[in-house]
Amino acid sequence: MICTEDIFELLFIEANPIPVKWMLEQMTKINSGIRLPLISLDSQYHDAIKNEMIKLKLL
């Protein structure tokens, strides 16, 4: 059974929709680039989110 609790927590690790947009970009669902006042997802969270996406077979 796949637990999605971790991905839900990671979706809100920074202000919404920053993590969601980053995940969609990684999945090649959207192009990169965001407008102010949004900023890019802090790089310290990249590995945790990417690892969870791999566990859920999103990447």
C-alpha atoms as a PDB file:
ATOM      1  CA  MET A   1       0.000   0.000   0.000  1.00  0.00           C
ATOM      2  CA  ILE A   2       1.314   3.428  -0.913  1.00  0.00           C
ATOM      3  CA  CYS A   3       1.120   6.077   1.796  1.00  0.00           C
ATOM      4  CA  THR A   4       0.428   9.523   0.441  1.00  0.00           C
ATOM      5  CA  GLU A   5       0.589  11.309   3.793  1.00  0.00           C
ATOM      6  CA  ASP A   6       4.208  12.352   3.231  1.00  0.00           C
ATOM      7  CA  ILE A   7       3.492  13.916  -0.149  1.00  0.00           C
ATOM      8  CA  PHE A   8       0.637  15.940   1.333  1.00  0.00           C
ATOM      9  CA  GLU A   9       2.957  17.329   3.988  1.00  0.00           C
ATOM     10  CA  LEU A  10       5.574  18.156   1.355  1.00  0.00           C
ATOM     11  CA  LEU A  11       3.007  19.975  -0.773  1.00  0.00           C
ATOM     12  CA  PHE A  12       2.746  22.553   1.996  1.00  0.00           C
ATOM     13  CA  ILE A  13       6.395  22.734   3.028  1.00  0.00           C
ATOM     14  CA  GLU A  14       6.443  26.239   1.532  1.00  0.00           C
ATOM     15  CA  ALA A  15       3.660  28.604   0.568  1.00  0.00           C
ATOM     16  CA  ASN A  16       1.158  27.038  -1.793  1.00  0.00           C
ATOM     17  CA  PRO A  17       1.413  26.752  -4.855  1.00  0.00           C
ATOM     18  CA  ILE A  18       5.234  26.822  -4.918  1.00  0.00           C
ATOM     19  CA  PRO A  19       5.796  23.075  -4.203  1.00  0.00           C
ATOM     20  CA  VAL A  20       2.922  22.043  -6.482  1.00  0.00           C
ATOM     21  CA  LYS A  21       4.285  24.069  -9.393  1.00  0.00           C
ATOM     22  CA  TRP A  22       7.774  22.655  -8.802  1.00  0.00           C
ATOM     23  CA  MET A  23       6.410  19.096  -8.823  1.00  0.00           C
ATOM     24  CA  LEU A  24       4.453  19.690 -12.026  1.00  0.00           C
ATOM     25  CA  GLU A  25       7.579  21.117 -13.636  1.00  0.00           C
ATOM     26  CA  GLN A  26       9.543  18.001 -12.632  1.00  0.00           C
ATOM     27  CA  MET A  27       6.817  15.864 -14.201  1.00  0.00           C
ATOM     28  CA  THR A  28       7.067  18.002 -17.387  1.00  0.00           C
ATOM     29  CA  LYS A  29       3.397  18.945 -17.049  1.00  0.00           C
ATOM     30  CA  ILE A  30       4.188  22.687 -17.049  1.00  0.00           C
ATOM     31  CA  ASN A  31       7.059  24.871 -18.207  1.00  0.00           C
ATOM     32  CA  SER A  32       9.437  26.399 -15.707  1.00  0.00           C
ATOM     33  CA  GLY A  33       9.068  29.981 -14.687  1.00  0.00           C
ATOM     34  CA  ILE A  34       7.009  31.748 -12.100  1.00  0.00           C
ATOM     35  CA  ARG A  35       5.967  35.339 -11.601  1.00  0.00           C
ATOM     36  CA  LEU A  36       6.370  37.470  -8.539  1.00  0.00           C
ATOM     37  CA  PRO A  37       5.269  37.407  -5.785  1.00  0.00           C
ATOM     38  CA  LEU A  38       6.004  33.651  -6.003  1.00  0.00           C
ATOM     39  CA  ILE A  39       9.577  32.495  -5.689  1.00  0.00           C
ATOM     40  CA  SER A  40      11.267  29.224  -6.595  1.00  0.00           C
ATOM     41  CA  LEU A  41      11.101  26.272  -4.252  1.00  0.00           C
ATOM     42  CA  ASP A  42      14.029  26.343  -1.845  1.00  0.00           C
ATOM     43  CA  SER A  43      16.635  23.838  -3.023  1.00  0.00           C
ATOM     44  CA  GLN A  44      16.841  22.261   0.442  1.00  0.00           C
ATOM     45  CA  TYR A  45      13.449  20.628  -0.255  1.00  0.00           C
ATOM     46  CA  HIS A  46      14.186  19.298  -3.751  1.00  0.00           C
ATOM     47  CA  ASP A  47      15.568  15.913  -2.700  1.00  0.00           C
ATOM     48  CA  ALA A  48      12.813  15.155  -0.192  1.00  0.00           C
ATOM     49  CA  ILE A  49      10.061  15.960  -2.670  1.00  0.00           C
ATOM     50  CA  LYS A  50      11.761  14.203  -5.558  1.00  0.00           C
ATOM     51  CA  ASN A  51      12.306  11.057  -3.452  1.00  0.00           C
ATOM     52  CA  GLU A  52       8.655  10.997  -2.446  1.00  0.00           C
ATOM     53  CA  MET A  53       7.587  11.486  -6.067  1.00  0.00           C
ATOM     54  CA  ILE A  54       9.755   8.526  -7.077  1.00  0.00           C
ATOM     55  CA  LYS A  55       8.186   6.366  -4.321  1.00  0.00           C
ATOM     56  CA  LEU A  56       4.755   7.266  -5.679  1.00  0.00           C
ATOM     57  CA  LYS A  57       5.899   6.595  -9.256  1.00  0.00           C
ATOM     58  CA  LEU A  58       5.237  10.168 -10.315  1.00  0.00           C
ATOM     59  CA  LEU A  59       8.731  10.354 -11.823  1.00  0.00           C
END
